[in-house]
Amino acid sequence: MILYNVTVNIEKESEAEWVSWMKETHIPDVLATGMFLENRFYKILHDNEDGSTNYSVQYFTDSMEKIMEYQQSFAAKLQEDVNQKFRDRFVVFRTLLETVE
């Protein structure tokens, strides 16, 4: 299993709007690409000195080929959607992980 983890630091003032938009729009749009089997959405439980909040959005797939197709065919547009809606109010860090068996 491959995990595409997106860690987001969002300004406190935009947090509620961002969470709602992620749940209602962005995550369903990512899943609609057909590249991921499921997802998880977590709030990271620690305090940030600047008052912002961190989240982990996790998407699971069964192959690197699907990750590559997602990145080549879908990621740029979906990431631009986030940038347009929440420009300068968040920082993102993306990580790929593989299950160790």
PDB file of N, CA and C in Angstrom:
ATOM      1  N   MET A   1       0.853  -1.179   0.000  1.00  0.00           N
ATOM      2  CA  MET A   1       0.000   0.000   0.000  1.00  0.00           C
ATOM      3  C   MET A   1       0.896   1.239   0.000  1.00  0.00           C
ATOM      4  N   ILE A   2       0.510   2.224  -0.778  1.00  0.00           N
ATOM      5  CA  ILE A   2       1.219   3.499  -0.859  1.00  0.00           C
ATOM      6  C   ILE A   2       0.338   4.571  -0.210  1.00  0.00           C
ATOM      7  N   LEU A   3       0.955   5.385   0.636  1.00  0.00           N
ATOM      8  CA  LEU A   3       0.261   6.485   1.289  1.00  0.00           C
ATOM      9  C   LEU A   3       0.814   7.802   0.759  1.00  0.00           C
ATOM     10  N   TYR A   4      -0.075   8.619   0.235  1.00  0.00           N
ATOM     11  CA  TYR A   4       0.252   9.984  -0.170  1.00  0.00           C
ATOM     12  C   TYR A   4      -0.262  10.871   0.955  1.00  0.00           C
ATOM     13  N   ASN A   5       0.662  11.380   1.759  1.00  0.00           N
ATOM     14  CA  ASN A   5       0.306  12.177   2.927  1.00  0.00           C
ATOM     15  C   ASN A   5       0.538  13.660   2.630  1.00  0.00           C
ATOM     16  N   VAL A   6      -0.477  14.461   2.886  1.00  0.00           N
ATOM     17  CA  VAL A   6      -0.393  15.903   2.682  1.00  0.00           C
ATOM     18  C   VAL A   6      -0.564  16.558   4.050  1.00  0.00           C
ATOM     19  N   THR A   7       0.500  17.161   4.563  1.00  0.00           N
ATOM     20  CA  THR A   7       0.451  17.860   5.839  1.00  0.00           C
ATOM     21  C   THR A   7       0.259  19.339   5.551  1.00  0.00           C
ATOM     22  N   VAL A   8      -0.753  19.919   6.187  1.00  0.00           N
ATOM     23  CA  VAL A   8      -1.109  21.312   5.930  1.00  0.00           C
ATOM     24  C   VAL A   8      -1.096  22.092   7.234  1.00  0.00           C
ATOM     25  N   ASN A   9      -0.468  23.240   7.208  1.00  0.00           N
ATOM     26  CA  ASN A   9      -0.493  24.193   8.305  1.00  0.00           C
ATOM     27  C   ASN A   9      -1.401  25.332   7.839  1.00  0.00           C
ATOM     28  N   ILE A  10      -2.542  25.495   8.511  1.00  0.00           N
ATOM     29  CA  ILE A  10      -3.537  26.485   8.090  1.00  0.00           C
ATOM     30  C   ILE A  10      -3.699  27.557   9.175  1.00  0.00           C
ATOM     31  N   GLU A  11      -3.833  28.800   8.756  1.00  0.00           N
ATOM     32  CA  GLU A  11      -4.049  29.893   9.706  1.00  0.00           C
ATOM     33  C   GLU A  11      -5.322  29.641  10.500  1.00  0.00           C
ATOM     34  N   LYS A  12      -5.286  29.961  11.773  1.00  0.00           N
ATOM     35  CA  LYS A  12      -6.429  29.738  12.667  1.00  0.00           C
ATOM     36  C   LYS A  12      -7.697  30.422  12.156  1.00  0.00           C
ATOM     37  N   GLU A  13      -7.557  31.635  11.608  1.00  0.00           N
ATOM     38  CA  GLU A  13      -8.723  32.385  11.134  1.00  0.00           C
ATOM     39  C   GLU A  13      -9.417  31.703   9.956  1.00  0.00           C
ATOM     40  N   SER A  14      -8.692  30.881   9.213  1.00  0.00           N
ATOM     41  CA  SER A  14      -9.245  30.209   8.035  1.00  0.00           C
ATOM     42  C   SER A  14      -9.559  28.740   8.282  1.00  0.00           C
ATOM     43  N   GLU A  15      -9.270  28.252   9.466  1.00  0.00           N
ATOM     44  CA  GLU A  15      -9.359  26.821   9.747  1.00  0.00           C
ATOM     45  C   GLU A  15     -10.742  26.227   9.489  1.00  0.00           C
ATOM     46  N   ALA A  16     -11.784  26.804  10.047  1.00  0.00           N
ATOM     47  CA  ALA A  16     -13.127  26.235   9.897  1.00  0.00           C
ATOM     48  C   ALA A  16     -13.559  26.210   8.433  1.00  0.00           C
ATOM     49  N   GLU A  17     -13.314  27.286   7.717  1.00  0.00           N
ATOM     50  CA  GLU A  17     -13.661  27.336   6.289  1.00  0.00           C
ATOM     51  C   GLU A  17     -12.876  26.289   5.514  1.00  0.00           C
ATOM     52  N   TRP A  18     -11.566  26.164   5.801  1.00  0.00           N
ATOM     53  CA  TRP A  18     -10.706  25.211   5.104  1.00  0.00           C
ATOM     54  C   TRP A  18     -11.147  23.773   5.364  1.00  0.00           C
ATOM     55  N   VAL A  19     -11.419  23.433   6.631  1.00  0.00           N
ATOM     56  CA  VAL A  19     -11.855  22.073   6.971  1.00  0.00           C
ATOM     57  C   VAL A  19     -13.141  21.736   6.229  1.00  0.00           C
ATOM     58  N   SER A  20     -14.094  22.638   6.252  1.00  0.00           N
ATOM     59  CA  SER A  20     -15.356  22.408   5.556  1.00  0.00           C
ATOM     60  C   SER A  20     -15.132  22.207   4.063  1.00  0.00           C
ATOM     61  N   TRP A  21     -14.325  23.075   3.457  1.00  0.00           N
ATOM     62  CA  TRP A  21     -14.052  22.981   2.024  1.00  0.00           C
ATOM     63  C   TRP A  21     -13.325  21.684   1.691  1.00  0.00           C
ATOM     64  N   MET A  22     -12.387  21.280   2.531  1.00  0.00           N
ATOM     65  CA  MET A  22     -11.671  20.018   2.305  1.00  0.00           C
ATOM     66  C   MET A  22     -12.643  18.840   2.314  1.00  0.00           C
ATOM     67  N   LYS A  23     -13.527  18.797   3.306  1.00  0.00           N
ATOM     68  CA  LYS A  23     -14.454  17.678   3.444  1.00  0.00           C
ATOM     69  C   LYS A  23     -15.516  17.656   2.353  1.00  0.00           C
ATOM     70  N   GLU A  24     -16.004  18.832   1.964  1.00  0.00           N
ATOM     71  CA  GLU A  24     -17.106  18.907   1.010  1.00  0.00           C
ATOM     72  C   GLU A  24     -16.657  18.953  -0.447  1.00  0.00           C
ATOM     73  N   THR A  25     -15.454  19.484  -0.707  1.00  0.00           N
ATOM     74  CA  THR A  25     -15.035  19.719  -2.087  1.00  0.00           C
ATOM     75  C   THR A  25     -13.723  19.024  -2.447  1.00  0.00           C
ATOM     76  N   HIS A  26     -12.651  19.408  -1.778  1.00  0.00           N
ATOM     77  CA  HIS A  26     -11.332  18.974  -2.234  1.00  0.00           C
ATOM     78  C   HIS A  26     -11.103  17.464  -2.108  1.00  0.00           C
ATOM     79  N   ILE A  27     -11.345  16.901  -0.941  1.00  0.00           N
ATOM     80  CA  ILE A  27     -11.127  15.458  -0.783  1.00  0.00           C
ATOM     81  C   ILE A  27     -12.011  14.664  -1.747  1.00  0.00           C
ATOM     82  N   PRO A  28     -13.307  14.973  -1.882  1.00  0.00           N
ATOM     83  CA  PRO A  28     -14.105  14.260  -2.890  1.00  0.00           C
ATOM     84  C   PRO A  28     -13.553  14.417  -4.313  1.00  0.00           C
ATOM     85  N   ASP A  29     -13.012  15.600  -4.647  1.00  0.00           N
ATOM     86  CA  ASP A  29     -12.422  15.799  -5.978  1.00  0.00           C
ATOM     87  C   ASP A  29     -11.195  14.913  -6.179  1.00  0.00           C
ATOM     88  N   VAL A  30     -10.355  14.810  -5.144  1.00  0.00           N
ATOM     89  CA  VAL A  30      -9.167  13.948  -5.243  1.00  0.00           C
ATOM     90  C   VAL A  30      -9.597  12.494  -5.402  1.00  0.00           C
ATOM     91  N   LEU A  31     -10.550  12.047  -4.604  1.00  0.00           N
ATOM     92  CA  LEU A  31     -11.010  10.661  -4.701  1.00  0.00           C
ATOM     93  C   LEU A  31     -11.688  10.377  -6.041  1.00  0.00           C
ATOM     94  N   ALA A  32     -12.331  11.371  -6.625  1.00  0.00           N
ATOM     95  CA  ALA A  32     -13.013  11.206  -7.917  1.00  0.00           C
ATOM     96  C   ALA A  32     -12.041  10.943  -9.063  1.00  0.00           C
ATOM     97  N   THR A  33     -10.755  11.190  -8.848  1.00  0.00           N
ATOM     98  CA  THR A  33      -9.775  10.878  -9.899  1.00  0.00           C
ATOM     99  C   THR A  33      -9.654   9.374 -10.121  1.00  0.00           C
ATOM    100  N   GLY A  34     -10.085   8.587  -9.161  1.00  0.00           N
ATOM    101  CA  GLY A  34      -9.989   7.137  -9.271  1.00  0.00           C
ATOM    102  C   GLY A  34      -8.616   6.584  -8.948  1.00  0.00           C
ATOM    103  N   MET A  35      -7.698   7.429  -8.510  1.00  0.00           N
ATOM    104  CA  MET A  35      -6.332   6.993  -8.240  1.00  0.00           C
ATOM    105  C   MET A  35      -6.138   6.483  -6.815  1.00  0.00           C
ATOM    106  N   PHE A  36      -7.111   6.760  -5.933  1.00  0.00           N
ATOM    107  CA  PHE A  36      -6.971   6.398  -4.529  1.00  0.00           C
ATOM    108  C   PHE A  36      -8.133   5.519  -4.077  1.00  0.00           C
ATOM    109  N   LEU A  37      -7.829   4.582  -3.180  1.00  0.00           N
ATOM    110  CA  LEU A  37      -8.822   3.641  -2.678  1.00  0.00           C
ATOM    111  C   LEU A  37      -9.618   4.210  -1.505  1.00  0.00           C
ATOM    112  N   GLU A  38      -8.948   5.014  -0.676  1.00  0.00           N
ATOM    113  CA  GLU A  38      -9.590   5.585   0.502  1.00  0.00           C
ATOM    114  C   GLU A  38      -8.760   6.745   1.010  1.00  0.00           C
ATOM    115  N   ASN A  39      -9.300   7.431   2.010  1.00  0.00           N
ATOM    116  CA  ASN A  39      -8.549   8.529   2.615  1.00  0.00           C
ATOM    117  C   ASN A  39      -8.841   8.617   4.099  1.00  0.00           C
ATOM    118  N   ARG A  40      -8.002   9.350   4.793  1.00  0.00           N
ATOM    119  CA  ARG A  40      -8.174   9.691   6.203  1.00  0.00           C
ATOM    120  C   ARG A  40      -7.843  11.178   6.347  1.00  0.00           C
ATOM    121  N   PHE A  41      -8.478  11.821   7.317  1.00  0.00           N
ATOM    122  CA  PHE A  41      -8.282  13.255   7.533  1.00  0.00           C
ATOM    123  C   PHE A  41      -8.107  13.460   9.040  1.00  0.00           C
ATOM    124  N   TYR A  42      -6.932  13.930   9.451  1.00  0.00           N
ATOM    125  CA  TYR A  42      -6.599  14.068  10.865  1.00  0.00           C
ATOM    126  C   TYR A  42      -6.183  15.486  11.213  1.00  0.00           C
ATOM    127  N   LYS A  43      -6.567  15.912  12.409  1.00  0.00           N
ATOM    128  CA  LYS A  43      -6.022  17.128  12.996  1.00  0.00           C
ATOM    129  C   LYS A  43      -4.824  16.692  13.836  1.00  0.00           C
ATOM    130  N   ILE A  44      -3.691  17.359  13.678  1.00  0.00           N
ATOM    131  CA  ILE A  44      -2.493  17.030  14.435  1.00  0.00           C
ATOM    132  C   ILE A  44      -2.570  17.751  15.777  1.00  0.00           C
ATOM    133  N   LEU A  45      -2.431  16.988  16.842  1.00  0.00           N
ATOM    134  CA  LEU A  45      -2.661  17.512  18.187  1.00  0.00           C
ATOM    135  C   LEU A  45      -1.385  18.028  18.832  1.00  0.00           C
ATOM    136  N   HIS A  46      -1.016  19.223  18.483  1.00  0.00           N
ATOM    137  CA  HIS A  46       0.057  19.951  19.159  1.00  0.00           C
ATOM    138  C   HIS A  46      -0.159  21.435  18.923  1.00  0.00           C
ATOM    139  N   ASP A  47       0.364  22.221  19.819  1.00  0.00           N
ATOM    140  CA  ASP A  47       0.204  23.667  19.712  1.00  0.00           C
ATOM    141  C   ASP A  47       1.305  24.258  18.856  1.00  0.00           C
ATOM    142  N   ASN A  48       0.936  25.181  17.998  1.00  0.00           N
ATOM    143  CA  ASN A  48       1.907  25.942  17.215  1.00  0.00           C
ATOM    144  C   ASN A  48       2.054  27.318  17.842  1.00  0.00           C
ATOM    145  N   GLU A  49       3.261  27.786  17.919  1.00  0.00           N
ATOM    146  CA  GLU A  49       3.522  29.094  18.530  1.00  0.00           C
ATOM    147  C   GLU A  49       2.804  30.226  17.813  1.00  0.00           C
ATOM    148  N   ASP A  50       2.597  30.075  16.502  1.00  0.00           N
ATOM    149  CA  ASP A  50       1.968  31.145  15.733  1.00  0.00           C
ATOM    150  C   ASP A  50       0.440  31.067  15.743  1.00  0.00           C
ATOM    151  N   GLY A  51      -0.126  30.081  16.449  1.00  0.00           N
ATOM    152  CA  GLY A  51      -1.578  29.966  16.542  1.00  0.00           C
ATOM    153  C   GLY A  51      -2.214  29.216  15.390  1.00  0.00           C
ATOM    154  N   SER A  52      -1.427  28.752  14.436  1.00  0.00           N
ATOM    155  CA  SER A  52      -1.976  27.992  13.310  1.00  0.00           C
ATOM    156  C   SER A  52      -2.253  26.550  13.748  1.00  0.00           C
ATOM    157  N   THR A  53      -2.889  25.789  12.873  1.00  0.00           N
ATOM    158  CA  THR A  53      -3.235  24.399  13.157  1.00  0.00           C
ATOM    159  C   THR A  53      -2.737  23.527  12.015  1.00  0.00           C
ATOM    160  N   ASN A  54      -2.301  22.311  12.357  1.00  0.00           N
ATOM    161  CA  ASN A  54      -1.808  21.372  11.359  1.00  0.00           C
ATOM    162  C   ASN A  54      -2.788  20.220  11.167  1.00  0.00           C
ATOM    163  N   TYR A  55      -2.874  19.769   9.926  1.00  0.00           N
ATOM    164  CA  TYR A  55      -3.706  18.631   9.560  1.00  0.00           C
ATOM    165  C   TYR A  55      -2.904  17.676   8.683  1.00  0.00           C
ATOM    166  N   SER A  56      -3.298  16.413   8.732  1.00  0.00           N
ATOM    167  CA  SER A  56      -2.746  15.404   7.839  1.00  0.00           C
ATOM    168  C   SER A  56      -3.900  14.847   7.008  1.00  0.00           C
ATOM    169  N   VAL A  57      -3.778  14.968   5.697  1.00  0.00           N
ATOM    170  CA  VAL A  57      -4.767  14.415   4.778  1.00  0.00           C
ATOM    171  C   VAL A  57      -4.076  13.244   4.089  1.00  0.00           C
ATOM    172  N   GLN A  58      -4.618  12.042   4.280  1.00  0.00           N
ATOM    173  CA  GLN A  58      -3.958  10.841   3.798  1.00  0.00           C
ATOM    174  C   GLN A  58      -4.801  10.161   2.728  1.00  0.00           C
ATOM    175  N   TYR A  59      -4.129   9.846   1.628  1.00  0.00           N
ATOM    176  CA  TYR A  59      -4.774   9.152   0.509  1.00  0.00           C
ATOM    177  C   TYR A  59      -4.023   7.848   0.269  1.00  0.00           C
ATOM    178  N   PHE A  60      -4.754   6.738   0.161  1.00  0.00           N
ATOM    179  CA  PHE A  60      -4.148   5.417   0.012  1.00  0.00           C
ATOM    180  C   PHE A  60      -4.408   4.864  -1.387  1.00  0.00           C
ATOM    181  N   THR A  61      -3.358   4.271  -1.958  1.00  0.00           N
ATOM    182  CA  THR A  61      -3.477   3.628  -3.265  1.00  0.00           C
ATOM    183  C   THR A  61      -2.656   2.347  -3.263  1.00  0.00           C
ATOM    184  N   ASP A  62      -2.847   1.524  -4.274  1.00  0.00           N
ATOM    185  CA  ASP A  62      -2.160   0.237  -4.305  1.00  0.00           C
ATOM    186  C   ASP A  62      -0.957   0.195  -5.243  1.00  0.00           C
ATOM    187  N   SER A  63      -0.623   1.329  -5.889  1.00  0.00           N
ATOM    188  CA  SER A  63       0.526   1.280  -6.799  1.00  0.00           C
ATOM    189  C   SER A  63       1.167   2.641  -7.017  1.00  0.00           C
ATOM    190  N   MET A  64       2.456   2.607  -7.284  1.00  0.00           N
ATOM    191  CA  MET A  64       3.189   3.827  -7.633  1.00  0.00           C
ATOM    192  C   MET A  64       2.722   4.354  -8.985  1.00  0.00           C
ATOM    193  N   GLU A  65       2.266   3.475  -9.852  1.00  0.00           N
ATOM    194  CA  GLU A  65       1.761   3.908 -11.159  1.00  0.00           C
ATOM    195  C   GLU A  65       0.583   4.857 -10.999  1.00  0.00           C
ATOM    196  N   LYS A  66      -0.288   4.557 -10.057  1.00  0.00           N
ATOM    197  CA  LYS A  66      -1.441   5.441  -9.820  1.00  0.00           C
ATOM    198  C   LYS A  66      -1.001   6.774  -9.231  1.00  0.00           C
ATOM    199  N   ILE A  67       0.016   6.756  -8.375  1.00  0.00           N
ATOM    200  CA  ILE A  67       0.567   8.009  -7.836  1.00  0.00           C
ATOM    201  C   ILE A  67       1.130   8.852  -8.979  1.00  0.00           C
ATOM    202  N   MET A  68       1.899   8.208  -9.853  1.00  0.00           N
ATOM    203  CA  MET A  68       2.492   8.928 -10.987  1.00  0.00           C
ATOM    204  C   MET A  68       1.406   9.496 -11.902  1.00  0.00           C
ATOM    205  N   GLU A  69       0.377   8.702 -12.175  1.00  0.00           N
ATOM    206  CA  GLU A  69      -0.719   9.196 -13.014  1.00  0.00           C
ATOM    207  C   GLU A  69      -1.442  10.361 -12.337  1.00  0.00           C
ATOM    208  N   TYR A  70      -1.669  10.251 -11.034  1.00  0.00           N
ATOM    209  CA  TYR A  70      -2.297  11.346 -10.294  1.00  0.00           C
ATOM    210  C   TYR A  70      -1.461  12.617 -10.429  1.00  0.00           C
ATOM    211  N   GLN A  71      -0.162  12.502 -10.196  1.00  0.00           N
ATOM    212  CA  GLN A  71       0.714  13.667 -10.258  1.00  0.00           C
ATOM    213  C   GLN A  71       0.782  14.261 -11.664  1.00  0.00           C
ATOM    214  N   GLN A  72       0.776  13.421 -12.676  1.00  0.00           N
ATOM    215  CA  GLN A  72       0.879  13.904 -14.055  1.00  0.00           C
ATOM    216  C   GLN A  72      -0.438  14.452 -14.594  1.00  0.00           C
ATOM    217  N   SER A  73      -1.554  13.857 -14.193  1.00  0.00           N
ATOM    218  CA  SER A  73      -2.833  14.201 -14.814  1.00  0.00           C
ATOM    219  C   SER A  73      -3.764  15.070 -13.974  1.00  0.00           C
ATOM    220  N   PHE A  74      -3.617  15.036 -12.652  1.00  0.00           N
ATOM    221  CA  PHE A  74      -4.620  15.678 -11.801  1.00  0.00           C
ATOM    222  C   PHE A  74      -4.066  16.667 -10.775  1.00  0.00           C
ATOM    223  N   ALA A  75      -2.885  16.415 -10.249  1.00  0.00           N
ATOM    224  CA  ALA A  75      -2.393  17.156  -9.081  1.00  0.00           C
ATOM    225  C   ALA A  75      -2.312  18.666  -9.310  1.00  0.00           C
ATOM    226  N   ALA A  76      -1.787  19.091 -10.432  1.00  0.00           N
ATOM    227  CA  ALA A  76      -1.580  20.525 -10.662  1.00  0.00           C
ATOM    228  C   ALA A  76      -2.892  21.306 -10.571  1.00  0.00           C
ATOM    229  N   LYS A  77      -3.938  20.812 -11.184  1.00  0.00           N
ATOM    230  CA  LYS A  77      -5.230  21.513 -11.160  1.00  0.00           C
ATOM    231  C   LYS A  77      -5.826  21.523  -9.758  1.00  0.00           C
ATOM    232  N   LEU A  78      -5.772  20.367  -9.067  1.00  0.00           N
ATOM    233  CA  LEU A  78      -6.335  20.290  -7.718  1.00  0.00           C
ATOM    234  C   LEU A  78      -5.557  21.159  -6.734  1.00  0.00           C
ATOM    235  N   GLN A  79      -4.246  21.198  -6.872  1.00  0.00           N
ATOM    236  CA  GLN A  79      -3.436  22.058  -6.017  1.00  0.00           C
ATOM    237  C   GLN A  79      -3.691  23.531  -6.311  1.00  0.00           C
ATOM    238  N   GLU A  80      -3.908  23.866  -7.558  1.00  0.00           N
ATOM    239  CA  GLU A  80      -4.218  25.250  -7.916  1.00  0.00           C
ATOM    240  C   GLU A  80      -5.572  25.680  -7.340  1.00  0.00           C
ATOM    241  N   ASP A  81      -6.530  24.747  -7.296  1.00  0.00           N
ATOM    242  CA  ASP A  81      -7.829  25.046  -6.674  1.00  0.00           C
ATOM    243  C   ASP A  81      -7.645  25.482  -5.218  1.00  0.00           C
ATOM    244  N   VAL A  82      -6.788  24.757  -4.485  1.00  0.00           N
ATOM    245  CA  VAL A  82      -6.513  25.100  -3.089  1.00  0.00           C
ATOM    246  C   VAL A  82      -5.826  26.461  -3.013  1.00  0.00           C
ATOM    247  N   ASN A  83      -4.842  26.666  -3.883  1.00  0.00           N
ATOM    248  CA  ASN A  83      -4.118  27.943  -3.890  1.00  0.00           C
ATOM    249  C   ASN A  83      -5.042  29.116  -4.175  1.00  0.00           C
ATOM    250  N   GLN A  84      -5.949  28.962  -5.100  1.00  0.00           N
ATOM    251  CA  GLN A  84      -6.874  30.036  -5.428  1.00  0.00           C
ATOM    252  C   GLN A  84      -7.791  30.367  -4.250  1.00  0.00           C
ATOM    253  N   LYS A  85      -8.251  29.344  -3.560  1.00  0.00           N
ATOM    254  CA  LYS A  85      -9.220  29.543  -2.465  1.00  0.00           C
ATOM    255  C   LYS A  85      -8.550  30.041  -1.180  1.00  0.00           C
ATOM    256  N   PHE A  86      -7.327  29.569  -0.900  1.00  0.00           N
ATOM    257  CA  PHE A  86      -6.697  29.855   0.395  1.00  0.00           C
ATOM    258  C   PHE A  86      -5.292  30.440   0.248  1.00  0.00           C
ATOM    259  N   ARG A  87      -5.058  31.160  -0.815  1.00  0.00           N
ATOM    260  CA  ARG A  87      -3.732  31.736  -1.090  1.00  0.00           C
ATOM    261  C   ARG A  87      -3.164  32.463   0.127  1.00  0.00           C
ATOM    262  N   ASP A  88      -1.900  32.163   0.423  1.00  0.00           N
ATOM    263  CA  ASP A  88      -1.143  32.810   1.505  1.00  0.00           C
ATOM    264  C   ASP A  88      -1.699  32.550   2.897  1.00  0.00           C
ATOM    265  N   ARG A  89      -2.578  31.562   3.047  1.00  0.00           N
ATOM    266  CA  ARG A  89      -3.121  31.256   4.364  1.00  0.00           C
ATOM    267  C   ARG A  89      -2.720  29.860   4.849  1.00  0.00           C
ATOM    268  N   PHE A  90      -1.888  29.160   4.076  1.00  0.00           N
ATOM    269  CA  PHE A  90      -1.491  27.807   4.441  1.00  0.00           C
ATOM    270  C   PHE A  90      -0.100  27.502   3.898  1.00  0.00           C
ATOM    271  N   VAL A  91       0.487  26.471   4.497  1.00  0.00           N
ATOM    272  CA  VAL A  91       1.746  25.901   4.024  1.00  0.00           C
ATOM    273  C   VAL A  91       1.506  24.403   3.916  1.00  0.00           C
ATOM    274  N   VAL A  92       2.040  23.786   2.861  1.00  0.00           N
ATOM    275  CA  VAL A  92       1.795  22.358   2.632  1.00  0.00           C
ATOM    276  C   VAL A  92       3.113  21.613   2.465  1.00  0.00           C
ATOM    277  N   PHE A  93       3.116  20.368   2.928  1.00  0.00           N
ATOM    278  CA  PHE A  93       4.264  19.480   2.795  1.00  0.00           C
ATOM    279  C   PHE A  93       3.730  18.106   2.399  1.00  0.00           C
ATOM    280  N   ARG A  94       4.212  17.568   1.279  1.00  0.00           N
ATOM    281  CA  ARG A  94       3.704  16.291   0.756  1.00  0.00           C
ATOM    282  C   ARG A  94       4.761  15.192   0.915  1.00  0.00           C
ATOM    283  N   THR A  95       4.289  13.991   1.294  1.00  0.00           N
ATOM    284  CA  THR A  95       5.178  12.859   1.520  1.00  0.00           C
ATOM    285  C   THR A  95       4.560  11.593   0.941  1.00  0.00           C
ATOM    286  N   LEU A  96       5.383  10.755   0.335  1.00  0.00           N
ATOM    287  CA  LEU A  96       4.965   9.433  -0.110  1.00  0.00           C
ATOM    288  C   LEU A  96       5.547   8.394   0.844  1.00  0.00           C
ATOM    289  N   LEU A  97       4.725   7.455   1.303  1.00  0.00           N
ATOM    290  CA  LEU A  97       5.167   6.403   2.193  1.00  0.00           C
ATOM    291  C   LEU A  97       4.709   5.064   1.660  1.00  0.00           C
ATOM    292  N   GLU A  98       5.472   4.030   1.939  1.00  0.00           N
ATOM    293  CA  GLU A  98       5.124   2.677   1.507  1.00  0.00           C
ATOM    294  C   GLU A  98       4.999   1.786   2.729  1.00  0.00           C
ATOM    295  N   THR A  99       3.986   0.919   2.745  1.00  0.00           N
ATOM    296  CA  THR A  99       3.802  -0.021   3.830  1.00  0.00           C
ATOM    297  C   THR A  99       4.983  -0.969   3.901  1.00  0.00           C
ATOM    298  N   VAL A 100       5.488  -1.197   5.101  1.00  0.00           N
ATOM    299  CA  VAL A 100       6.570  -2.160   5.319  1.00  0.00           C
ATOM    300  C   VAL A 100       5.937  -3.431   5.861  1.00  0.00           C
ATOM    301  N   GLU A 101       6.178  -4.517   5.157  1.00  0.00           N
ATOM    302  CA  GLU A 101       5.571  -5.797   5.572  1.00  0.00           C
ATOM    303  C   GLU A 101       6.624  -6.782   5.983  1.00  0.00           C
TER     304      GLU A 101
END
